[in-house]
């Protein structure tokens, strides 16, 4: 599962990009996506998040709302990562026994990954959630050309 960080604030021009916080709308959307995961019985076994403040907060709010109950693994390498780098981080940081993974990150890498896995161009705004069924036995087998099926694409304004 792929979740783009919630809407972030640009109100302080002196903040470094990775320090921008979520807006109220971004916080609400992150919580709604977590509630959606719980409602659909898709609580992740592992959450991997970019270390950017807006991604960490999105991951935290979604984790809490979904009743995830574990530590969110924060990875510097997911900050503004390309689709190829996102896949590499999933492969490197997901233990074999983990079934369902949620990655919280940024565009354009996440949208590119959604497009490549889905086989079609999809709009992926802030706090959008894409859910895939992936035909692999082990996370080390994940690659951009792997067979998978987009089973859900949720955007905050549609909820």
C-alpha atoms as a PDB file:
ATOM      1  CA  UNK A   1       0.000   0.000   0.000  1.00  0.00           C
ATOM      2  CA  UNK A   2       1.238   3.470  -0.867  1.00  0.00           C
ATOM      3  CA  UNK A   3       0.159   6.633   0.975  1.00  0.00           C
ATOM      4  CA  UNK A   4       1.236  10.095  -0.035  1.00  0.00           C
ATOM      5  CA  UNK A   5       1.790  12.498   2.868  1.00  0.00           C
ATOM      6  CA  UNK A   6      -1.084  14.823   3.759  1.00  0.00           C
ATOM      7  CA  UNK A   7      -1.364  18.457   2.677  1.00  0.00           C
ATOM      8  CA  UNK A   8       1.567  20.407   4.075  1.00  0.00           C
ATOM      9  CA  UNK A   9       2.033  24.035   4.967  1.00  0.00           C
ATOM     10  CA  UNK A  10       4.083  26.506   2.948  1.00  0.00           C
ATOM     11  CA  UNK A  11       3.379  29.357   5.398  1.00  0.00           C
ATOM     12  CA  UNK A  12       6.956  29.596   6.732  1.00  0.00           C
ATOM     13  CA  UNK A  13       9.348  30.227   3.825  1.00  0.00           C
ATOM     14  CA  UNK A  14      12.354  29.822   6.137  1.00  0.00           C
ATOM     15  CA  UNK A  15      11.614  26.157   6.883  1.00  0.00           C
ATOM     16  CA  UNK A  16      13.616  23.507   5.068  1.00  0.00           C
ATOM     17  CA  UNK A  17      11.397  21.402   2.823  1.00  0.00           C
ATOM     18  CA  UNK A  18      11.714  18.320   5.013  1.00  0.00           C
ATOM     19  CA  UNK A  19      10.525  20.318   8.055  1.00  0.00           C
ATOM     20  CA  UNK A  20       7.201  21.507   6.626  1.00  0.00           C
ATOM     21  CA  UNK A  21       4.285  20.455   8.894  1.00  0.00           C
ATOM     22  CA  UNK A  22       0.857  19.176   7.923  1.00  0.00           C
ATOM     23  CA  UNK A  23      -2.043  21.592   7.653  1.00  0.00           C
ATOM     24  CA  UNK A  24      -5.292  20.887   9.499  1.00  0.00           C
ATOM     25  CA  UNK A  25      -6.660  19.425   6.271  1.00  0.00           C
ATOM     26  CA  UNK A  26      -3.579  17.216   5.959  1.00  0.00           C
ATOM     27  CA  UNK A  27      -4.006  15.893   9.503  1.00  0.00           C
ATOM     28  CA  UNK A  28      -7.694  15.122   8.931  1.00  0.00           C
ATOM     29  CA  UNK A  29      -6.972  13.316   5.665  1.00  0.00           C
ATOM     30  CA  UNK A  30      -4.189  11.211   7.210  1.00  0.00           C
ATOM     31  CA  UNK A  31      -6.543  10.147   9.996  1.00  0.00           C
ATOM     32  CA  UNK A  32      -9.309   9.352   7.475  1.00  0.00           C
ATOM     33  CA  UNK A  33      -6.968   7.118   5.489  1.00  0.00           C
ATOM     34  CA  UNK A  34      -6.009   5.265   8.667  1.00  0.00           C
ATOM     35  CA  UNK A  35      -9.682   4.804   9.519  1.00  0.00           C
ATOM     36  CA  UNK A  36     -10.262   3.509   5.989  1.00  0.00           C
ATOM     37  CA  UNK A  37      -7.501   0.921   6.458  1.00  0.00           C
ATOM     38  CA  UNK A  38      -9.154  -0.275   9.660  1.00  0.00           C
ATOM     39  CA  UNK A  39     -12.628  -0.317   8.099  1.00  0.00           C
ATOM     40  CA  UNK A  40     -11.404  -2.392   5.136  1.00  0.00           C
ATOM     41  CA  UNK A  41      -9.431  -4.688   7.462  1.00  0.00           C
ATOM     42  CA  UNK A  42      -6.170  -3.655   5.810  1.00  0.00           C
ATOM     43  CA  UNK A  43      -4.146  -2.688   8.871  1.00  0.00           C
ATOM     44  CA  UNK A  44      -0.501  -2.964   7.800  1.00  0.00           C
ATOM     45  CA  UNK A  45       1.998  -5.355   9.326  1.00  0.00           C
ATOM     46  CA  UNK A  46       4.725  -2.766   8.718  1.00  0.00           C
ATOM     47  CA  UNK A  47       4.742   0.967   8.013  1.00  0.00           C
ATOM     48  CA  UNK A  48       7.763   2.507   6.293  1.00  0.00           C
ATOM     49  CA  UNK A  49       7.862   6.309   6.220  1.00  0.00           C
ATOM     50  CA  UNK A  50      10.006   9.077   4.845  1.00  0.00           C
ATOM     51  CA  UNK A  51      11.738  11.075   7.572  1.00  0.00           C
ATOM     52  CA  UNK A  52      10.226  14.368   6.358  1.00  0.00           C
ATOM     53  CA  UNK A  53       8.073  15.908   9.086  1.00  0.00           C
ATOM     54  CA  UNK A  54       4.902  15.853   6.952  1.00  0.00           C
ATOM     55  CA  UNK A  55       5.374  12.168   6.072  1.00  0.00           C
ATOM     56  CA  UNK A  56       6.180  11.139   9.655  1.00  0.00           C
ATOM     57  CA  UNK A  57       3.046  12.891  10.941  1.00  0.00           C
ATOM     58  CA  UNK A  58       0.907  11.357   8.184  1.00  0.00           C
ATOM     59  CA  UNK A  59       2.260   7.911   9.053  1.00  0.00           C
ATOM     60  CA  UNK A  60       1.708   8.480  12.766  1.00  0.00           C
ATOM     61  CA  UNK A  61      -1.891   9.674  12.351  1.00  0.00           C
ATOM     62  CA  UNK A  62      -2.769   6.880   9.924  1.00  0.00           C
ATOM     63  CA  UNK A  63      -1.134   4.293  12.197  1.00  0.00           C
ATOM     64  CA  UNK A  64      -3.071   5.510  15.217  1.00  0.00           C
ATOM     65  CA  UNK A  65      -6.401   5.671  13.366  1.00  0.00           C
ATOM     66  CA  UNK A  66      -5.928   2.171  11.930  1.00  0.00           C
ATOM     67  CA  UNK A  67      -4.906   0.684  15.321  1.00  0.00           C
ATOM     68  CA  UNK A  68      -1.543  -0.352  13.845  1.00  0.00           C
ATOM     69  CA  UNK A  69       0.020  -0.464  17.316  1.00  0.00           C
ATOM     70  CA  UNK A  70       3.656  -0.888  16.272  1.00  0.00           C
ATOM     71  CA  UNK A  71       6.601   1.385  15.579  1.00  0.00           C
ATOM     72  CA  UNK A  72       6.698   3.212  12.254  1.00  0.00           C
ATOM     73  CA  UNK A  73      10.058   2.609  10.583  1.00  0.00           C
ATOM     74  CA  UNK A  74      11.424   5.951   9.350  1.00  0.00           C
ATOM     75  CA  UNK A  75      13.855   5.901   6.434  1.00  0.00           C
ATOM     76  CA  UNK A  76      15.880   8.862   5.178  1.00  0.00           C
ATOM     77  CA  UNK A  77      16.070   7.095   1.818  1.00  0.00           C
ATOM     78  CA  UNK A  78      12.307   7.509   1.264  1.00  0.00           C
ATOM     79  CA  UNK A  79      12.530  11.319   1.354  1.00  0.00           C
ATOM     80  CA  UNK A  80      11.679  12.430  -2.218  1.00  0.00           C
ATOM     81  CA  UNK A  81      12.646   8.950  -3.471  1.00  0.00           C
ATOM     82  CA  UNK A  82      12.148   7.778  -7.049  1.00  0.00           C
ATOM     83  CA  UNK A  83       9.916   4.778  -7.732  1.00  0.00           C
ATOM     84  CA  UNK A  84      13.021   2.611  -8.159  1.00  0.00           C
ATOM     85  CA  UNK A  85      14.415   3.750  -4.810  1.00  0.00           C
ATOM     86  CA  UNK A  86      11.057   3.153  -3.062  1.00  0.00           C
ATOM     87  CA  UNK A  87      11.027  -0.431  -4.329  1.00  0.00           C
ATOM     88  CA  UNK A  88      14.645  -0.878  -3.164  1.00  0.00           C
ATOM     89  CA  UNK A  89      13.717   0.344   0.329  1.00  0.00           C
ATOM     90  CA  UNK A  90      10.715  -2.002   0.539  1.00  0.00           C
ATOM     91  CA  UNK A  91      12.959  -4.886  -0.484  1.00  0.00           C
ATOM     92  CA  UNK A  92      15.689  -3.921   1.990  1.00  0.00           C
ATOM     93  CA  UNK A  93      13.516  -3.197   5.036  1.00  0.00           C
ATOM     94  CA  UNK A  94      10.610  -5.641   4.855  1.00  0.00           C
ATOM     95  CA  UNK A  95      11.175  -8.940   6.658  1.00  0.00           C
ATOM     96  CA  UNK A  96      10.068 -12.121   4.901  1.00  0.00           C
ATOM     97  CA  UNK A  97       7.282 -12.793   7.428  1.00  0.00           C
ATOM     98  CA  UNK A  98       5.580  -9.421   6.805  1.00  0.00           C
ATOM     99  CA  UNK A  99       2.448  -9.617   4.687  1.00  0.00           C
ATOM    100  CA  UNK A 100       1.028  -6.115   4.318  1.00  0.00           C
ATOM    101  CA  UNK A 101       3.282  -3.049   3.979  1.00  0.00           C
ATOM    102  CA  UNK A 102       2.300   0.625   3.934  1.00  0.00           C
ATOM    103  CA  UNK A 103       4.820   3.098   2.507  1.00  0.00           C
ATOM    104  CA  UNK A 104       4.327   6.790   3.307  1.00  0.00           C
ATOM    105  CA  UNK A 105       6.218   9.164   1.057  1.00  0.00           C
ATOM    106  CA  UNK A 106       6.214  11.824  -1.622  1.00  0.00           C
ATOM    107  CA  UNK A 107       5.499  12.620  -5.231  1.00  0.00           C
ATOM    108  CA  UNK A 108       6.690  12.351  -7.890  1.00  0.00           C
ATOM    109  CA  UNK A 109       8.152   8.977  -6.845  1.00  0.00           C
ATOM    110  CA  UNK A 110       4.969   7.557  -5.326  1.00  0.00           C
ATOM    111  CA  UNK A 111       2.776   8.594  -8.246  1.00  0.00           C
ATOM    112  CA  UNK A 112       5.300   7.126 -10.669  1.00  0.00           C
ATOM    113  CA  UNK A 113       5.297   3.871  -8.691  1.00  0.00           C
ATOM    114  CA  UNK A 114       1.485   3.765  -8.633  1.00  0.00           C
ATOM    115  CA  UNK A 115       1.428   4.339 -12.399  1.00  0.00           C
ATOM    116  CA  UNK A 116       4.025   1.650 -13.077  1.00  0.00           C
ATOM    117  CA  UNK A 117       2.418  -0.947 -10.812  1.00  0.00           C
ATOM    118  CA  UNK A 118      -1.124  -0.165 -11.978  1.00  0.00           C
ATOM    119  CA  UNK A 119      -0.132  -0.004 -15.648  1.00  0.00           C
ATOM    120  CA  UNK A 120      -1.987   3.301 -16.113  1.00  0.00           C
ATOM    121  CA  UNK A 121      -1.586   6.944 -15.174  1.00  0.00           C
ATOM    122  CA  UNK A 122      -3.382   7.760 -11.931  1.00  0.00           C
ATOM    123  CA  UNK A 123      -3.790  11.097 -10.171  1.00  0.00           C
ATOM    124  CA  UNK A 124      -2.124  10.782  -6.754  1.00  0.00           C
ATOM    125  CA  UNK A 125      -2.808  13.946  -4.718  1.00  0.00           C
ATOM    126  CA  UNK A 126      -1.795  14.535  -1.103  1.00  0.00           C
ATOM    127  CA  UNK A 127      -3.073  11.833   1.291  1.00  0.00           C
ATOM    128  CA  UNK A 128      -4.053   9.522  -1.584  1.00  0.00           C
ATOM    129  CA  UNK A 129      -3.877   5.802  -0.817  1.00  0.00           C
ATOM    130  CA  UNK A 130      -3.203   3.069  -3.389  1.00  0.00           C
ATOM    131  CA  UNK A 131      -3.700  -0.584  -2.507  1.00  0.00           C
ATOM    132  CA  UNK A 132      -2.156  -3.360  -4.581  1.00  0.00           C
ATOM    133  CA  UNK A 133      -2.240  -7.140  -4.597  1.00  0.00           C
ATOM    134  CA  UNK A 134       1.285  -8.181  -5.485  1.00  0.00           C
ATOM    135  CA  UNK A 135       2.098 -11.600  -6.948  1.00  0.00           C
ATOM    136  CA  UNK A 136       5.322 -12.379  -5.075  1.00  0.00           C
ATOM    137  CA  UNK A 137       6.275 -14.866  -2.364  1.00  0.00           C
ATOM    138  CA  UNK A 138       8.898 -12.681  -0.715  1.00  0.00           C
ATOM    139  CA  UNK A 139       9.417  -8.906  -0.531  1.00  0.00           C
ATOM    140  CA  UNK A 140      12.951  -9.392  -1.909  1.00  0.00           C
ATOM    141  CA  UNK A 141      11.237 -10.394  -5.182  1.00  0.00           C
ATOM    142  CA  UNK A 142       9.519  -7.010  -5.554  1.00  0.00           C
ATOM    143  CA  UNK A 143      10.534  -5.088  -8.659  1.00  0.00           C
ATOM    144  CA  UNK A 144       8.960  -2.499 -10.931  1.00  0.00           C
ATOM    145  CA  UNK A 145       7.825  -5.073 -13.510  1.00  0.00           C
ATOM    146  CA  UNK A 146       6.213  -7.477 -11.038  1.00  0.00           C
ATOM    147  CA  UNK A 147       2.642  -8.563 -11.734  1.00  0.00           C
ATOM    148  CA  UNK A 148       0.170  -6.830  -9.471  1.00  0.00           C
ATOM    149  CA  UNK A 149      -3.383  -5.563  -9.358  1.00  0.00           C
ATOM    150  CA  UNK A 150      -4.586  -2.164  -8.167  1.00  0.00           C
ATOM    151  CA  UNK A 151      -7.421  -3.104  -5.819  1.00  0.00           C
ATOM    152  CA  UNK A 152      -8.140   0.332  -4.413  1.00  0.00           C
ATOM    153  CA  UNK A 153      -7.305   3.961  -5.025  1.00  0.00           C
ATOM    154  CA  UNK A 154      -8.673   6.425  -2.482  1.00  0.00           C
ATOM    155  CA  UNK A 155      -8.358  10.191  -2.570  1.00  0.00           C
ATOM    156  CA  UNK A 156      -9.389  12.338   0.417  1.00  0.00           C
ATOM    157  CA  UNK A 157     -11.903  14.415  -1.511  1.00  0.00           C
ATOM    158  CA  UNK A 158     -13.733  11.222  -2.534  1.00  0.00           C
ATOM    159  CA  UNK A 159     -14.271   9.979   1.023  1.00  0.00           C
END
